[in-house]
Amino acid sequence: MVEQRELRVQQMTWEAEGVISVRLTRIESDRPLPEWSPGAHIDIYVPDGTTRQYSLCGDPQDLSSYQIAVLREPGSRGGSDFVHEQLRVGDRLMVTRPKHHFNLEDAPFHALIAGGIGVTPIMTFAEELARRGAPFSMTYGGRTADSMAFRPRLAALGDRVTYLAEDVDGRPDLDAIVRSVPEGGLVYVCGPLPLLRAVEAAAEAAHGPDQDMVRFELFSRAGVEVDDTPPAIDGDTYELVLTESGHTLRLKPDANILDVVLALGVEIENDCRDGICGSCVTPIVSGTVDHRDLVLTKREQAAMDQMMICCSKPTCSRLELRL
């Protein structure tokens, strides 16, 4: 069961062109909110009954409130329009407990790269590393200087942050950023899909195709193509076993596992259905799959102990999931 709570909108702030931050507090309690770590996000419930995910971008040590930031997007699925056009101070919002799919791992150096509204989790990583006294660099790119949120706040990090407004400064030199990362270092990137692809290409060029140094999160499904190719499997069907609920089914390889599970009445969180949000991550008890998500790292995918059931497909005759 998804843990939900109702919070009140305490403050809304215009942070940059098209970006509003929202501060949420408890309604009738002085108890602290659930803890969270940099990179975490919450889901908010919008009026149409669906959820939208937003990174927490406040101070993790201050549990009196949560803060999110929302970009006004022309192609909004509902969340952006709702926040910018309807939500007001004093309103109530139903939200989930913080979720942690984008985590700050230990490394001798972190190169942080933010594109647009992707600054929200990257900023919390930078502030956490600064608190630890750990070495890092942060590159923050935006369309224009006016569109880049939280610059006054980031000023506290000094020259560890480089700002690049594309209309004046051009795009960041990703090859140089990746090449400057020492052995064992990690690159964290959040922004649109082309930025992620460019960072991955730079990492492969510098460190080879088997590199596992890039950690990422996507905020938008724009450009994410759904892979409808049939999975590689012997036979016309495979056996799906849900070990917790006791279901055993015979399915075609291209059946959407998430749809099947929900139809059985098995509860599991889900949102994007395109493999970018991480909500439907499910432990694999046994079996192998063709990972088609954009959440798990190469190392996590190779471990074959979890999958996103909204998009990934079996490559075995029997797949057991802890559901």
Protein backbone atom coordinates (compact mmCIF):
# COMPACT_ATOMS: atom_id res chain seq x y z
CA MET A 1 0.00 0.00 0.00
CA VAL A 2 1.39 3.39 -0.98
CA GLU A 3 1.87 5.64 2.04
CA GLN A 4 0.14 8.97 1.48
CA ARG A 5 -0.27 12.15 3.50
CA GLU A 6 -2.02 15.46 2.98
CA LEU A 7 0.13 18.58 3.16
CA ARG A 8 -0.63 22.30 2.91
CA VAL A 9 0.94 24.69 0.43
CA GLN A 10 2.76 27.16 2.68
CA GLN A 11 4.67 29.13 0.06
CA MET A 12 5.03 29.45 -3.71
CA THR A 13 8.03 31.28 -5.15
CA TRP A 14 8.91 32.35 -8.69
CA GLU A 15 12.46 30.98 -9.00
CA ALA A 16 13.16 31.69 -12.66
CA GLU A 17 11.39 32.07 -15.98
CA GLY A 18 8.72 29.34 -15.93
CA VAL A 19 9.88 27.76 -12.65
CA ILE A 20 7.87 27.87 -9.42
CA SER A 21 8.99 26.32 -6.15
CA VAL A 22 6.36 25.02 -3.73
CA ARG A 23 6.89 24.60 0.01
CA LEU A 24 4.62 22.02 1.69
CA THR A 25 3.99 21.63 5.43
CA ARG A 26 1.93 19.39 7.70
CA ILE A 27 -1.63 20.55 8.29
CA GLU A 28 -2.25 19.91 11.98
CA SER A 29 0.87 18.45 13.50
CA ASP A 30 4.27 19.56 14.69
CA ARG A 31 5.78 16.11 14.09
CA PRO A 32 8.62 16.04 11.56
CA LEU A 33 7.95 14.80 8.06
CA PRO A 34 9.54 11.50 6.94
CA GLU A 35 13.28 11.71 6.35
CA TRP A 36 14.74 11.98 2.87
CA SER A 37 18.16 12.01 1.25
CA PRO A 38 19.45 14.11 -1.66
CA GLY A 39 18.05 12.81 -4.95
CA ALA A 40 14.73 11.68 -3.44
CA HIS A 41 11.39 12.59 -4.94
CA ILE A 42 7.74 12.61 -3.94
CA ASP A 43 4.66 11.96 -6.04
CA ILE A 44 1.89 14.53 -5.89
CA TYR A 45 -1.70 13.69 -6.79
CA VAL A 46 -3.24 16.01 -9.36
CA PRO A 47 -7.00 16.55 -9.84
CA ASP A 48 -7.36 13.94 -12.60
CA GLY A 49 -6.35 11.25 -10.07
CA THR A 50 -2.91 10.58 -11.52
CA THR A 51 0.45 11.31 -9.92
CA ARG A 52 3.43 13.38 -10.96
CA GLN A 53 6.95 13.06 -9.60
CA TYR A 54 9.05 15.96 -8.35
CA SER A 55 12.48 15.93 -6.75
CA LEU A 56 12.74 17.29 -3.23
CA CYS A 57 15.01 20.33 -3.36
CA GLY A 58 14.87 21.76 0.14
CA ASP A 59 17.16 21.00 3.08
CA PRO A 60 17.09 17.30 4.09
CA GLN A 61 17.97 18.32 7.63
CA ASP A 62 14.82 20.47 7.90
CA LEU A 63 11.85 18.12 8.21
CA SER A 64 9.33 20.84 8.99
CA SER A 65 8.54 21.12 5.25
CA TYR A 66 9.19 19.71 1.80
CA GLN A 67 10.13 21.81 -1.22
CA ILE A 68 9.68 20.97 -4.89
CA ALA A 69 10.13 23.01 -8.06
CA VAL A 70 7.93 22.75 -11.15
CA LEU A 71 8.75 23.88 -14.67
CA ARG A 72 5.95 25.24 -16.85
CA GLU A 73 5.94 22.80 -19.76
CA PRO A 74 3.95 23.42 -22.97
CA GLY A 75 3.36 19.68 -23.40
CA SER A 76 2.37 19.10 -19.80
CA ARG A 77 0.53 15.87 -18.91
CA GLY A 78 -1.33 17.83 -16.23
CA GLY A 79 1.06 18.36 -13.34
CA SER A 80 2.79 21.47 -14.66
CA ASP A 81 -0.46 23.17 -15.69
CA PHE A 82 -2.07 22.31 -12.36
CA VAL A 83 0.74 23.78 -10.27
CA HIS A 84 1.16 26.93 -12.35
CA GLU A 85 -2.50 27.63 -13.08
CA GLN A 86 -4.54 26.24 -10.19
CA LEU A 87 -2.47 25.55 -7.09
CA ARG A 88 -2.36 28.37 -4.55
CA VAL A 89 -0.99 29.04 -1.07
CA GLY A 90 -3.27 27.43 1.51
CA ASP A 91 -4.38 24.60 -0.78
CA ARG A 92 -3.92 21.00 0.25
CA LEU A 93 -2.01 18.37 -1.69
CA MET A 94 -1.91 14.61 -1.29
CA VAL A 95 1.65 13.33 -1.59
CA THR A 96 3.57 10.09 -1.09
CA ARG A 97 6.45 9.32 1.24
CA PRO A 98 9.83 10.26 -0.30
CA LYS A 99 11.22 7.68 -2.70
CA HIS A 100 14.89 7.08 -3.31
CA HIS A 101 15.78 5.85 -6.83
CA PHE A 102 18.51 8.44 -7.53
CA ASN A 103 21.09 8.10 -4.77
CA LEU A 104 24.43 9.72 -4.03
CA GLU A 105 27.05 6.97 -3.98
CA ASP A 106 30.47 7.24 -2.33
CA ALA A 107 33.26 8.11 -4.74
CA PRO A 108 36.57 10.00 -4.65
CA PHE A 109 35.08 12.68 -6.93
CA HIS A 110 31.64 13.60 -8.27
CA ALA A 111 31.07 15.53 -11.51
CA LEU A 112 27.51 16.87 -11.37
CA ILE A 113 25.73 17.98 -14.56
CA ALA A 114 22.31 19.65 -14.56
CA GLY A 115 20.21 20.64 -17.54
CA GLY A 116 17.29 23.01 -16.92
CA ILE A 117 14.91 21.86 -14.18
CA GLY A 118 17.23 18.89 -13.66
CA VAL A 119 19.06 21.23 -11.29
CA THR A 120 16.72 20.26 -8.44
CA PRO A 121 18.26 16.90 -7.45
CA ILE A 122 21.74 17.89 -8.65
CA MET A 123 21.66 20.95 -6.38
CA THR A 124 20.90 18.80 -3.33
CA PHE A 125 23.81 16.50 -4.24
CA ALA A 126 26.15 19.48 -4.49
CA GLU A 127 25.05 20.87 -1.15
CA GLU A 128 25.45 17.49 0.52
CA LEU A 129 28.95 17.03 -0.90
CA ALA A 130 29.85 20.53 0.27
CA ARG A 131 28.63 19.67 3.78
CA ARG A 132 30.85 16.59 3.74
CA GLY A 133 33.83 18.54 2.48
CA ALA A 134 34.02 16.14 -0.48
CA PRO A 135 35.52 17.17 -3.84
CA PHE A 136 33.06 17.80 -6.67
CA SER A 137 32.28 20.02 -9.62
CA MET A 138 28.88 21.12 -10.86
CA THR A 139 27.97 22.25 -14.36
CA TYR A 140 24.57 23.88 -14.75
CA GLY A 141 23.22 24.60 -18.20
CA GLY A 142 20.03 26.34 -19.28
CA ARG A 143 18.47 27.92 -22.35
CA THR A 144 19.00 31.44 -20.98
CA ALA A 145 20.26 32.94 -17.73
CA ASP A 146 16.69 33.95 -16.84
CA SER A 147 15.51 30.35 -17.11
CA MET A 148 18.08 29.00 -14.62
CA ALA A 149 16.51 28.58 -11.18
CA PHE A 150 18.22 28.69 -7.78
CA ARG A 151 21.31 30.62 -8.86
CA PRO A 152 21.30 32.81 -5.72
CA ARG A 153 21.19 29.67 -3.57
CA LEU A 154 23.93 27.97 -5.57
CA ALA A 155 26.16 31.02 -5.15
CA ALA A 156 27.01 29.69 -1.67
CA LEU A 157 28.96 26.88 -3.38
CA GLY A 158 31.34 29.36 -5.00
CA ASP A 159 33.46 28.49 -8.01
CA ARG A 160 32.65 24.79 -7.76
CA VAL A 161 29.58 25.61 -9.87
CA THR A 162 29.88 26.61 -13.54
CA TYR A 163 26.86 28.25 -15.21
CA LEU A 164 26.29 28.06 -18.95
CA ALA A 165 23.39 29.92 -20.58
CA GLU A 166 23.14 28.32 -24.02
CA ASP A 167 22.15 31.50 -25.85
CA VAL A 168 25.34 33.22 -24.65
CA ASP A 169 27.85 30.58 -23.52
CA GLY A 170 26.94 27.61 -25.70
CA ARG A 171 26.70 24.06 -24.42
CA PRO A 172 29.02 22.44 -21.87
CA ASP A 173 32.11 20.57 -23.03
CA LEU A 174 30.96 17.17 -21.82
CA ASP A 175 34.05 15.39 -23.14
CA ALA A 176 36.30 17.62 -21.05
CA ILE A 177 34.12 17.19 -17.96
CA VAL A 178 34.16 13.41 -18.21
CA ARG A 179 37.89 13.22 -18.98
CA SER A 180 38.63 15.29 -15.87
CA VAL A 181 36.97 12.74 -13.55
CA PRO A 182 39.66 10.72 -11.70
CA GLU A 183 39.62 6.93 -11.53
CA GLY A 184 36.71 5.70 -9.44
CA GLY A 185 34.85 9.00 -9.81
CA LEU A 186 31.21 9.25 -10.81
CA VAL A 187 29.24 11.50 -13.14
CA TYR A 188 25.71 12.46 -12.09
CA VAL A 189 23.41 13.98 -14.70
CA CYS A 190 19.78 15.09 -14.65
CA GLY A 191 17.99 16.78 -17.51
CA PRO A 192 16.52 16.00 -20.92
CA LEU A 193 17.28 12.77 -22.76
CA PRO A 194 19.69 14.30 -25.32
CA LEU A 195 21.88 15.55 -22.45
CA LEU A 196 21.93 12.11 -20.86
CA ARG A 197 22.81 10.44 -24.17
CA ALA A 198 25.60 12.94 -24.77
CA VAL A 199 27.09 12.34 -21.31
CA GLU A 200 26.94 8.56 -21.80
CA ALA A 201 28.63 8.91 -25.20
CA ALA A 202 31.37 11.07 -23.69
CA ALA A 203 31.92 8.53 -20.90
CA GLU A 204 32.15 5.64 -23.35
CA ALA A 205 34.57 7.56 -25.55
CA ALA A 206 36.80 8.38 -22.58
CA HIS A 207 36.57 5.17 -20.59
CA GLY A 208 35.27 2.47 -22.93
CA PRO A 209 31.87 0.85 -23.57
CA ASP A 210 31.93 -1.06 -20.28
CA GLN A 211 32.25 2.05 -18.11
CA ASP A 212 29.86 2.29 -15.19
CA MET A 213 30.48 5.85 -14.06
CA VAL A 214 27.28 7.63 -15.13
CA ARG A 215 24.29 7.97 -12.81
CA PHE A 216 21.22 9.73 -14.15
CA GLU A 217 17.60 10.71 -13.78
CA LEU A 218 15.19 11.91 -16.46
CA PHE A 219 12.44 14.44 -15.79
CA SER A 220 10.74 14.21 -19.14
CA ARG A 221 9.63 11.36 -21.38
CA ALA A 222 10.25 13.52 -24.47
CA GLY A 223 12.38 11.55 -26.89
CA VAL A 224 12.01 8.27 -25.02
CA GLU A 225 11.04 5.67 -27.61
CA VAL A 226 9.04 2.65 -26.55
CA ASP A 227 10.82 -0.56 -27.60
CA ASP A 228 8.17 -2.86 -29.05
CA THR A 229 10.54 -5.44 -30.51
CA PRO A 230 9.75 -9.01 -29.40
CA PRO A 231 12.01 -10.29 -26.62
CA ALA A 232 14.43 -13.12 -27.36
CA ILE A 233 12.81 -16.22 -25.86
CA ASP A 234 12.37 -19.85 -26.85
CA GLY A 235 8.78 -20.74 -27.52
CA ASP A 236 5.56 -18.80 -27.88
CA THR A 237 4.92 -18.35 -24.14
CA TYR A 238 6.71 -18.24 -20.81
CA GLU A 239 5.71 -18.88 -17.21
CA LEU A 240 5.35 -15.90 -14.87
CA VAL A 241 5.34 -16.70 -11.16
CA LEU A 242 4.41 -14.11 -8.52
CA THR A 243 5.93 -15.62 -5.39
CA GLU A 244 4.21 -13.44 -2.76
CA SER A 245 0.65 -13.50 -4.10
CA GLY A 246 0.80 -17.09 -5.35
CA HIS A 247 -0.12 -16.47 -9.00
CA THR A 248 1.33 -18.55 -11.82
CA LEU A 249 0.47 -17.58 -15.38
CA ARG A 250 1.37 -18.56 -18.91
CA LEU A 251 1.98 -15.39 -20.97
CA LYS A 252 3.13 -14.31 -24.39
CA PRO A 253 6.59 -12.72 -24.24
CA ASP A 254 5.35 -9.29 -25.31
CA ALA A 255 2.61 -9.10 -22.64
CA ASN A 256 2.96 -6.04 -20.40
CA ILE A 257 3.76 -7.46 -16.97
CA LEU A 258 2.58 -4.36 -15.14
CA ASP A 259 -0.85 -4.53 -16.79
CA VAL A 260 -1.12 -8.24 -15.99
CA VAL A 261 -0.17 -7.73 -12.34
CA LEU A 262 -2.60 -4.86 -11.84
CA ALA A 263 -5.41 -6.86 -13.48
CA LEU A 264 -4.82 -9.58 -10.87
CA GLY A 265 -5.38 -7.03 -8.11
CA VAL A 266 -1.76 -7.06 -6.97
CA GLU A 267 -0.82 -3.60 -5.72
CA ILE A 268 2.35 -2.01 -7.04
CA GLU A 269 3.29 1.61 -7.49
CA ASN A 270 3.48 2.82 -11.08
CA ASP A 271 3.41 6.09 -12.97
CA CYS A 272 5.27 6.77 -16.21
CA ARG A 273 4.94 3.31 -17.83
CA ASP A 274 7.98 4.19 -19.95
CA GLY A 275 10.76 3.02 -17.66
CA ILE A 276 11.99 6.41 -16.46
CA CYS A 277 10.42 6.90 -13.03
CA GLY A 278 11.47 3.75 -11.18
CA SER A 279 8.13 3.38 -9.38
CA CYS A 280 7.43 -0.19 -10.49
CA VAL A 281 10.86 -1.64 -9.69
CA THR A 282 10.33 -5.28 -8.73
CA PRO A 283 12.75 -7.87 -7.26
CA ILE A 284 13.58 -10.81 -9.53
CA VAL A 285 13.64 -14.13 -7.67
CA SER A 286 14.85 -16.11 -10.68
CA GLY A 287 15.05 -15.68 -14.41
CA THR A 288 16.51 -13.19 -16.86
CA VAL A 289 15.07 -10.16 -18.63
CA ASP A 290 15.78 -7.69 -21.41
CA HIS A 291 16.07 -4.42 -19.49
CA ARG A 292 14.40 -1.57 -21.38
CA ASP A 293 14.28 1.02 -18.61
CA LEU A 294 16.24 4.24 -18.18
CA VAL A 295 16.60 3.98 -14.41
CA LEU A 296 18.90 1.08 -13.52
CA THR A 297 22.63 1.44 -14.10
CA LYS A 298 24.47 -1.02 -16.33
CA ARG A 299 25.79 -2.78 -13.23
CA GLU A 300 22.31 -3.01 -11.70
CA GLN A 301 20.88 -4.38 -14.93
CA ALA A 302 23.65 -6.96 -15.20
CA ALA A 303 22.96 -8.15 -11.64
CA MET A 304 19.55 -9.35 -12.89
CA ASP A 305 17.94 -9.02 -9.44
CA GLN A 306 15.37 -6.32 -10.23
CA MET A 307 13.39 -5.00 -13.18
CA MET A 308 10.90 -2.35 -14.24
CA ILE A 309 7.83 -4.38 -15.08
CA CYS A 310 6.25 -1.58 -17.09
CA CYS A 311 8.66 -2.01 -19.99
CA SER A 312 11.23 -4.80 -19.56
CA LYS A 313 10.61 -8.25 -21.04
CA PRO A 314 11.57 -11.85 -20.14
CA THR A 315 14.37 -13.73 -21.91
CA CYS A 316 13.69 -17.03 -20.14
CA SER A 317 11.04 -19.75 -20.02
CA ARG A 318 10.21 -19.07 -16.34
CA LEU A 319 10.38 -15.70 -14.59
CA GLU A 320 9.76 -15.45 -10.84
CA LEU A 321 9.04 -12.05 -9.31
CA ARG A 322 8.62 -11.10 -5.66
CA LEU A 323 5.06 -9.81 -5.99
